[in-house]
C-alpha cells in the first residue's frame, strides 16, 4: 500500500479517472439523445456539457469514497494479518 504523499496522489488519480470516464460517457449519451430528439446544435452541446460537468463532480465524490473504502479495507486486512502472525499458536 502506498504511504504518505504517494498514497494521496494515487487516491486523487483514481477519483479523477473514474470521474473523467463517467463524464465522457454521459457527454456522449447526451449528444446522441440530443441528435435523436432533433434539438439544435447549441442546445444539444449546452445540455451535454452541463451533464458532463455535473457528472464530473459526482464522479469525483463517488471515486473518492470508493478509494477511502478500499484503503480502510486494506488497512483492516493488514491489521488482521499482522495480529494473526504475531500470536503464537499452541501445540496440543
Protein backbone atom coordinates (compact mmCIF):
# COMPACT_ATOMS: atom_id res chain seq x y z
CA UNK A 1 0.00 0.00 0.00
CA UNK A 2 1.23 3.48 -0.77
CA UNK A 3 2.11 5.71 2.16
CA UNK A 4 2.18 9.49 2.60
CA UNK A 5 2.07 11.80 -0.38
CA UNK A 6 2.20 8.93 -2.89
CA UNK A 7 -0.96 7.44 -1.38
CA UNK A 8 -2.78 10.76 -1.55
CA UNK A 9 -1.71 11.24 -5.16
CA UNK A 10 -2.88 7.75 -6.09
CA UNK A 11 -6.24 8.39 -4.40
CA UNK A 12 -6.76 11.61 -6.32
CA UNK A 13 -5.70 9.98 -9.57
CA UNK A 14 -8.18 7.12 -9.20
CA UNK A 15 -11.00 9.53 -8.37
CA UNK A 16 -10.16 11.73 -11.36
CA UNK A 17 -10.02 8.76 -13.74
CA UNK A 18 -13.37 7.47 -12.52
CA UNK A 19 -14.96 10.92 -12.81
CA UNK A 20 -13.48 11.57 -16.26
CA UNK A 21 -14.62 8.23 -17.65
CA UNK A 22 -18.17 8.67 -16.37
CA UNK A 23 -18.31 12.28 -17.60
CA UNK A 24 -17.28 11.30 -21.12
CA UNK A 25 -19.87 8.53 -21.21
CA UNK A 26 -22.60 10.94 -20.08
CA UNK A 27 -21.46 13.55 -22.62
CA UNK A 28 -21.63 11.01 -25.47
CA UNK A 29 -25.05 9.76 -24.38
CA UNK A 30 -26.38 13.32 -24.19
CA UNK A 31 -25.07 14.08 -27.67
CA UNK A 32 -26.75 11.00 -29.15
CA UNK A 33 -30.04 11.67 -27.37
CA UNK A 34 -29.97 15.34 -28.38
CA UNK A 35 -29.37 14.47 -32.03
CA UNK A 36 -32.14 11.86 -31.99
CA UNK A 37 -34.54 14.39 -30.45
CA UNK A 38 -33.61 16.79 -33.29
CA UNK A 39 -32.56 19.53 -30.89
CA UNK A 40 -30.47 22.39 -32.23
CA UNK A 41 -26.68 22.07 -32.10
CA UNK A 42 -26.34 24.74 -29.42
CA UNK A 43 -28.98 23.21 -27.18
CA UNK A 44 -27.51 19.73 -27.53
CA UNK A 45 -23.95 20.84 -26.76
CA UNK A 46 -25.05 23.05 -23.87
CA UNK A 47 -27.01 20.26 -22.20
CA UNK A 48 -24.28 17.70 -22.85
CA UNK A 49 -21.63 19.96 -21.31
CA UNK A 50 -23.82 20.70 -18.30
CA UNK A 51 -24.46 16.99 -17.77
CA UNK A 52 -20.74 16.28 -18.17
CA UNK A 53 -19.81 18.89 -15.55
CA UNK A 54 -22.38 17.58 -13.09
CA UNK A 55 -21.22 14.02 -13.61
CA UNK A 56 -17.61 15.08 -13.09
CA UNK A 57 -18.46 16.46 -9.64
CA UNK A 58 -20.49 13.40 -8.66
CA UNK A 59 -17.81 11.10 -10.07
CA UNK A 60 -15.08 12.79 -8.01
CA UNK A 61 -17.15 12.33 -4.87
CA UNK A 62 -18.02 8.69 -5.59
CA UNK A 63 -14.46 7.90 -6.68
CA UNK A 64 -13.06 9.42 -3.50
CA UNK A 65 -15.49 7.46 -1.36
CA UNK A 66 -14.63 4.23 -3.17
CA UNK A 67 -10.90 4.82 -2.69
CA UNK A 68 -11.37 5.53 1.03
CA UNK A 69 -13.40 2.35 1.39
CA UNK A 70 -10.67 0.32 -0.31
CA UNK A 71 -7.97 1.93 1.82
CA UNK A 72 -9.89 1.16 5.01
CA UNK A 73 -10.46 -2.46 3.98
CA UNK A 74 -6.80 -2.91 3.09
CA UNK A 75 -5.75 -1.37 6.41
CA UNK A 76 -8.14 -3.67 8.32
CA UNK A 77 -6.86 -6.72 6.44
CA UNK A 78 -3.24 -5.74 7.12
CA UNK A 79 -4.01 -5.36 10.83
CA UNK A 80 -5.75 -8.74 10.87
CA UNK A 81 -2.82 -10.41 9.08
CA UNK A 82 -0.33 -8.71 11.39
CA UNK A 83 -2.16 -9.80 14.55
CA UNK A 84 -2.54 -13.39 13.32
CA UNK A 85 1.19 -13.70 12.62
CA UNK A 86 2.13 -12.20 15.99
CA UNK A 87 0.01 -14.53 18.12
CA UNK A 88 1.84 -17.77 18.77
CA UNK A 89 -0.02 -20.95 18.06
CA UNK A 90 -0.02 -23.61 20.76
CA UNK A 91 0.65 -27.25 20.02
CA UNK A 92 -1.93 -29.52 21.56
